[in-house]
Protein backbone atom coordinates (compact mmCIF):
# COMPACT_ATOMS: atom_id res chain seq x y z
CA MET A 1 148.82 15.41 -61.64
CA LEU A 2 149.41 12.20 -59.70
CA ARG A 3 153.04 11.49 -58.78
CA ILE A 4 154.12 7.88 -58.22
CA ASP A 5 157.60 7.05 -56.92
CA VAL A 6 158.65 3.40 -56.88
CA ILE A 7 161.56 2.43 -54.64
CA THR A 8 163.12 -0.70 -56.07
CA LEU A 9 166.29 -2.68 -56.63
CA PHE A 10 165.24 -3.18 -60.25
CA PRO A 11 164.12 0.17 -61.74
CA GLU A 12 164.39 -1.23 -65.26
CA VAL A 13 161.43 -3.52 -64.52
CA ILE A 14 159.26 -0.56 -63.53
CA GLU A 15 160.40 1.56 -66.46
CA ALA A 16 159.74 -1.22 -68.97
CA GLY A 17 156.32 -1.93 -67.50
CA THR A 18 155.07 1.66 -67.52
CA ASN A 19 156.11 2.85 -70.98
CA TYR A 20 153.25 1.35 -72.98
CA SER A 21 149.48 1.45 -73.49
CA ILE A 22 147.30 3.51 -71.14
CA VAL A 23 150.02 4.10 -68.54
CA GLY A 24 152.53 5.25 -71.16
CA ARG A 25 150.04 7.62 -72.76
CA ALA A 26 148.95 9.00 -69.39
CA GLN A 27 152.56 10.00 -68.74
CA GLU A 28 152.84 11.64 -72.17
CA TRP A 29 149.63 13.58 -71.53
CA GLY A 30 150.85 14.85 -68.15
CA LEU A 31 148.27 12.95 -66.09
CA VAL A 32 150.84 11.05 -64.04
CA GLN A 33 154.55 11.17 -63.32
CA ILE A 34 156.18 7.82 -62.55
CA ARG A 35 159.74 7.57 -61.25
CA ALA A 36 161.70 4.40 -60.52
CA ILE A 37 164.08 5.09 -57.62
CA GLN A 38 167.16 2.85 -57.32
CA LEU A 39 167.34 1.80 -53.68
CA ARG A 40 171.08 1.09 -53.85
CA ASP A 41 171.73 4.79 -54.40
CA PHE A 42 170.79 5.31 -50.74
CA ALA A 43 172.81 2.46 -49.29
CA GLU A 44 176.11 3.05 -47.51
CA GLY A 45 179.49 1.40 -47.88
CA LYS A 46 181.57 0.27 -50.81
CA HIS A 47 179.15 -2.47 -51.83
CA LYS A 48 175.92 -0.45 -51.37
CA LYS A 49 174.41 -3.27 -49.36
CA THR A 50 170.64 -3.17 -48.95
CA ASP A 51 170.14 -6.44 -47.03
CA ASP A 52 171.57 -8.31 -44.05
CA GLU A 53 171.06 -11.45 -41.97
CA PRO A 54 168.03 -11.47 -39.66
CA TYR A 55 168.47 -11.02 -35.92
CA GLY A 56 167.57 -14.22 -34.11
CA GLY A 57 168.75 -16.38 -36.97
CA GLY A 58 166.88 -17.93 -39.82
CA ALA A 59 167.21 -18.49 -43.53
CA GLY A 60 167.50 -15.74 -46.09
CA LEU A 61 168.21 -12.03 -45.87
CA VAL A 62 166.17 -9.04 -44.72
CA MET A 63 166.11 -5.63 -46.39
CA LYS A 64 167.78 -2.97 -44.25
CA PRO A 65 165.77 0.01 -42.97
CA GLU A 66 168.33 2.81 -43.51
CA PRO A 67 168.33 2.97 -47.33
CA ILE A 68 164.55 2.64 -47.48
CA PHE A 69 163.98 5.51 -45.03
CA LYS A 70 166.48 7.67 -46.94
CA ALA A 71 164.93 6.85 -50.32
CA VAL A 72 161.46 7.74 -49.07
CA GLU A 73 162.73 11.00 -47.58
CA ALA A 74 164.37 11.86 -50.92
CA CYS A 75 160.95 11.62 -52.56
CA GLN A 76 159.87 14.56 -50.36
CA PRO A 77 156.64 13.10 -48.99
CA THR A 78 154.04 15.37 -47.45
CA ALA A 79 151.49 14.62 -44.75
CA ARG A 80 149.11 13.48 -47.53
CA THR A 81 151.54 11.13 -49.29
CA ARG A 82 150.55 7.46 -49.19
CA ILE A 83 153.70 5.42 -48.49
CA ILE A 84 152.86 1.87 -49.51
CA LEU A 85 154.90 -1.18 -48.55
CA LEU A 86 154.21 -4.14 -50.82
CA GLU A 87 154.29 -7.32 -48.75
CA PRO A 88 152.33 -10.61 -48.62
CA GLN A 89 151.15 -9.78 -45.08
CA GLY A 90 149.42 -6.60 -46.23
CA ARG A 91 145.82 -5.59 -46.82
CA LEU A 92 144.39 -7.33 -49.87
CA TYR A 93 144.30 -5.05 -52.91
CA THR A 94 140.83 -4.44 -54.38
CA GLN A 95 139.18 -2.25 -56.97
CA ALA A 96 137.79 -0.09 -54.18
CA LEU A 97 141.33 0.57 -52.98
CA ALA A 98 142.40 1.39 -56.55
CA TYR A 99 139.71 4.11 -56.66
CA GLU A 100 140.93 5.40 -53.31
CA LEU A 101 144.55 5.62 -54.44
CA ALA A 102 143.58 7.27 -57.73
CA GLU A 103 142.31 10.25 -55.72
CA GLN A 104 145.70 10.88 -54.09
CA GLU A 105 148.37 13.38 -55.16
CA HIS A 106 151.47 11.34 -54.33
CA LEU A 107 152.10 7.62 -53.91
CA ILE A 108 155.38 6.01 -52.87
CA LEU A 109 155.57 2.27 -53.51
CA ILE A 110 158.26 0.28 -51.67
CA CYS A 111 159.18 -3.00 -53.35
CA GLY A 112 160.24 -5.70 -50.91
CA HIS A 113 162.65 -8.56 -51.66
CA TYR A 114 164.37 -11.54 -50.07
CA GLU A 115 162.76 -12.75 -46.80
CA GLY A 116 161.10 -9.40 -46.24
CA VAL A 117 161.71 -5.87 -45.02
CA ASP A 118 162.89 -4.74 -41.60
CA ALA A 119 159.71 -4.36 -39.51
CA ARG A 120 160.57 -0.77 -38.65
CA VAL A 121 159.67 0.20 -42.21
CA ARG A 122 156.22 -1.27 -41.78
CA ASP A 123 155.66 0.07 -38.27
CA HIS A 124 157.17 3.55 -38.51
CA LEU A 125 157.37 4.60 -42.17
CA ALA A 126 154.63 3.03 -44.29
CA THR A 127 151.12 4.43 -44.19
CA ASP A 128 149.76 1.34 -45.97
CA VAL A 129 150.86 -2.28 -46.37
CA ILE A 130 149.30 -3.92 -49.41
CA SER A 131 149.30 -7.42 -50.91
CA ILE A 132 147.90 -8.23 -54.36
CA GLY A 133 147.05 -11.80 -53.43
CA ASP A 134 147.65 -14.81 -51.23
CA TYR A 135 150.81 -16.03 -52.93
CA VAL A 136 154.52 -15.24 -52.80
CA LEU A 137 156.47 -13.43 -55.51
CA THR A 138 160.19 -12.82 -55.88
CA GLY A 139 159.80 -9.11 -55.20
CA GLY A 140 157.45 -6.16 -55.10
CA GLU A 141 157.98 -4.95 -58.67
CA LEU A 142 155.10 -6.89 -60.20
CA PRO A 143 152.67 -5.82 -57.44
CA ALA A 144 153.84 -2.22 -57.97
CA LEU A 145 153.06 -2.48 -61.69
CA VAL A 146 149.64 -3.98 -60.92
CA ILE A 147 148.81 -1.06 -58.64
CA ILE A 148 150.12 1.52 -61.10
CA ASP A 149 148.13 0.07 -63.99
CA SER A 150 144.88 -0.21 -62.02
CA VAL A 151 145.21 3.31 -60.56
CA VAL A 152 146.35 5.21 -63.66
CA ARG A 153 143.48 3.94 -65.81
CA LEU A 154 141.09 5.56 -63.31
CA LEU A 155 142.60 9.02 -63.69
CA PRO A 156 140.35 11.49 -65.54
CA GLY A 157 141.39 11.59 -69.18
CA ALA A 158 143.43 8.37 -69.13
CA ILE A 159 140.78 6.37 -71.00
CA HIS A 160 139.07 7.63 -74.15
CA SER A 161 135.67 6.27 -73.06
CA PRO A 162 135.33 6.92 -69.32
CA GLU A 163 131.88 5.33 -69.30
CA SER A 164 133.58 1.98 -69.87
CA LEU A 165 135.01 2.14 -66.35
CA GLY A 166 131.54 1.57 -64.95
CA GLN A 167 131.33 -1.66 -66.97
CA ASP A 168 134.54 -3.12 -65.58
CA SER A 169 134.50 -6.19 -63.41
CA PHE A 170 134.31 -5.27 -59.70
CA ALA A 171 133.12 -1.71 -60.50
CA ASP A 172 129.85 -2.42 -58.68
CA GLY A 173 130.97 -5.47 -56.71
CA LEU A 174 130.08 -7.98 -59.45
CA LEU A 175 131.98 -9.58 -62.29
CA GLY A 176 131.58 -8.07 -65.74
CA TYR A 177 129.10 -9.40 -68.30
CA PRO A 178 130.15 -11.40 -71.42
CA GLN A 179 131.25 -9.37 -74.44
CA TYR A 180 130.86 -10.28 -78.11
CA THR A 181 131.92 -8.75 -81.43
CA ARG A 182 131.86 -9.65 -85.13
CA PRO A 183 131.36 -12.11 -86.73
CA GLU A 184 127.77 -12.79 -85.65
CA GLU A 185 128.40 -16.52 -86.11
CA PHE A 186 131.74 -18.30 -85.70
CA ARG A 187 132.06 -22.07 -86.13
CA GLY A 188 128.40 -22.49 -85.35
CA LEU A 189 128.61 -20.34 -82.22
CA ARG A 190 126.21 -17.42 -82.38
CA VAL A 191 126.09 -14.12 -80.54
CA PRO A 192 123.07 -14.03 -78.17
CA SER A 193 120.12 -12.70 -80.14
CA VAL A 194 119.24 -10.07 -77.55
CA LEU A 195 122.49 -8.22 -78.33
CA LEU A 196 121.40 -7.91 -81.97
CA SER A 197 117.89 -6.71 -81.16
CA GLY A 198 118.62 -3.01 -80.77
CA ASN A 199 116.44 -3.03 -77.65
CA HIS A 200 118.69 -1.23 -75.16
CA GLY A 201 116.47 -2.01 -72.20
CA ALA A 202 116.49 -5.73 -72.96
CA ILE A 203 120.26 -5.64 -73.51
CA ALA A 204 120.86 -3.91 -70.16
CA ARG A 205 118.64 -6.45 -68.43
CA TRP A 206 120.45 -9.40 -70.07
CA ARG A 207 123.83 -7.98 -69.12
CA ARG A 208 122.85 -7.50 -65.49
CA LYS A 209 121.44 -10.99 -65.37
CA GLU A 210 124.69 -12.39 -66.73
CA GLN A 211 126.69 -10.42 -64.17
CA LEU A 212 124.63 -11.99 -61.40
CA ARG A 213 124.92 -15.47 -62.87
CA LEU A 214 128.69 -15.34 -63.41
CA THR A 215 129.43 -13.81 -60.02
CA ARG A 216 127.21 -16.34 -58.24
CA GLN A 217 128.86 -19.24 -60.05
CA LEU A 218 132.49 -18.12 -60.25
CA ARG A 219 132.97 -15.83 -57.25
CA PRO A 220 130.51 -16.71 -54.49
CA ASP A 221 132.72 -14.75 -52.08
CA LEU A 222 132.02 -11.55 -54.04
CA PHE A 223 128.38 -12.42 -54.46
CA ALA A 224 127.94 -12.79 -50.70
CA LYS A 225 129.02 -9.15 -50.24
CA ALA A 226 127.11 -7.66 -53.18
CA CYS A 227 124.37 -5.09 -52.58
CA LEU A 228 121.42 -6.46 -54.55
CA THR A 229 118.40 -4.49 -55.68
CA ALA A 230 114.84 -5.77 -55.87
CA GLU A 231 115.34 -6.12 -59.63
CA ASP A 232 118.48 -8.18 -59.03
CA VAL A 233 116.51 -10.53 -56.77
CA ALA A 234 113.88 -10.93 -59.49
CA LEU A 235 116.59 -11.73 -62.05
CA LEU A 236 118.09 -14.33 -59.71
CA LYS A 237 114.70 -16.00 -59.39
CA GLU A 238 114.50 -16.16 -63.19
CA LEU A 239 117.96 -17.74 -63.33
CA HIS A 240 116.90 -20.37 -60.80
CA ALA A 241 113.71 -21.10 -62.74
CA GLU A 242 115.76 -21.48 -65.93
CA GLY A 243 118.13 -23.91 -64.20
CA LYS A 244 121.13 -21.63 -64.70
CA LEU A 245 121.99 -21.41 -61.00
């Protein structure tokens, strides 16, 4: 069973965000244990202060190292525990990293706030520093929920149809293909005929072609890193000939 501890000033956010859908069921089924740890419980003094002014001056407040170190130690990490600090300066989160984290036994997520976290946490406590994107949020709770959701759904048994994981966007470095369901026609808009043909080979080919088209058009950065097969190259030539690229 995967154990995830989240160190946060707002445990209610984590608890509310993990008690539903796939993540909620995975906890009920014993696939994952998620705990929200109140950082203030490890702060000293009457006011349980977790932040202070930065040395050297500057605007805002910085999260203190002592309560964070103590909170992590209370989670009883082992040499294999991944201690993850969530900060904008971190490594960009990807689906590949989600797969990597899903194979671990214990994750500790540290939610930053204010102007940041004392650098000693990053340099001497965290094993990983992760960012979910090039933008700034109020705190690390939303990134923590993003990581939890993306990791838990990869755990064996968390999803009823595990084969659907291979169809997800980014599973093979490309965006997912378009999906359709009933009705066959809606306001004059029809489902592509190939999906109604019953020809599984033709359907698979169409889907791959659409993956290539969408990734090339919408995410050229992903497309540039994709490992293409000879069949993919042939499909791209068809797309060019059809004027779709």
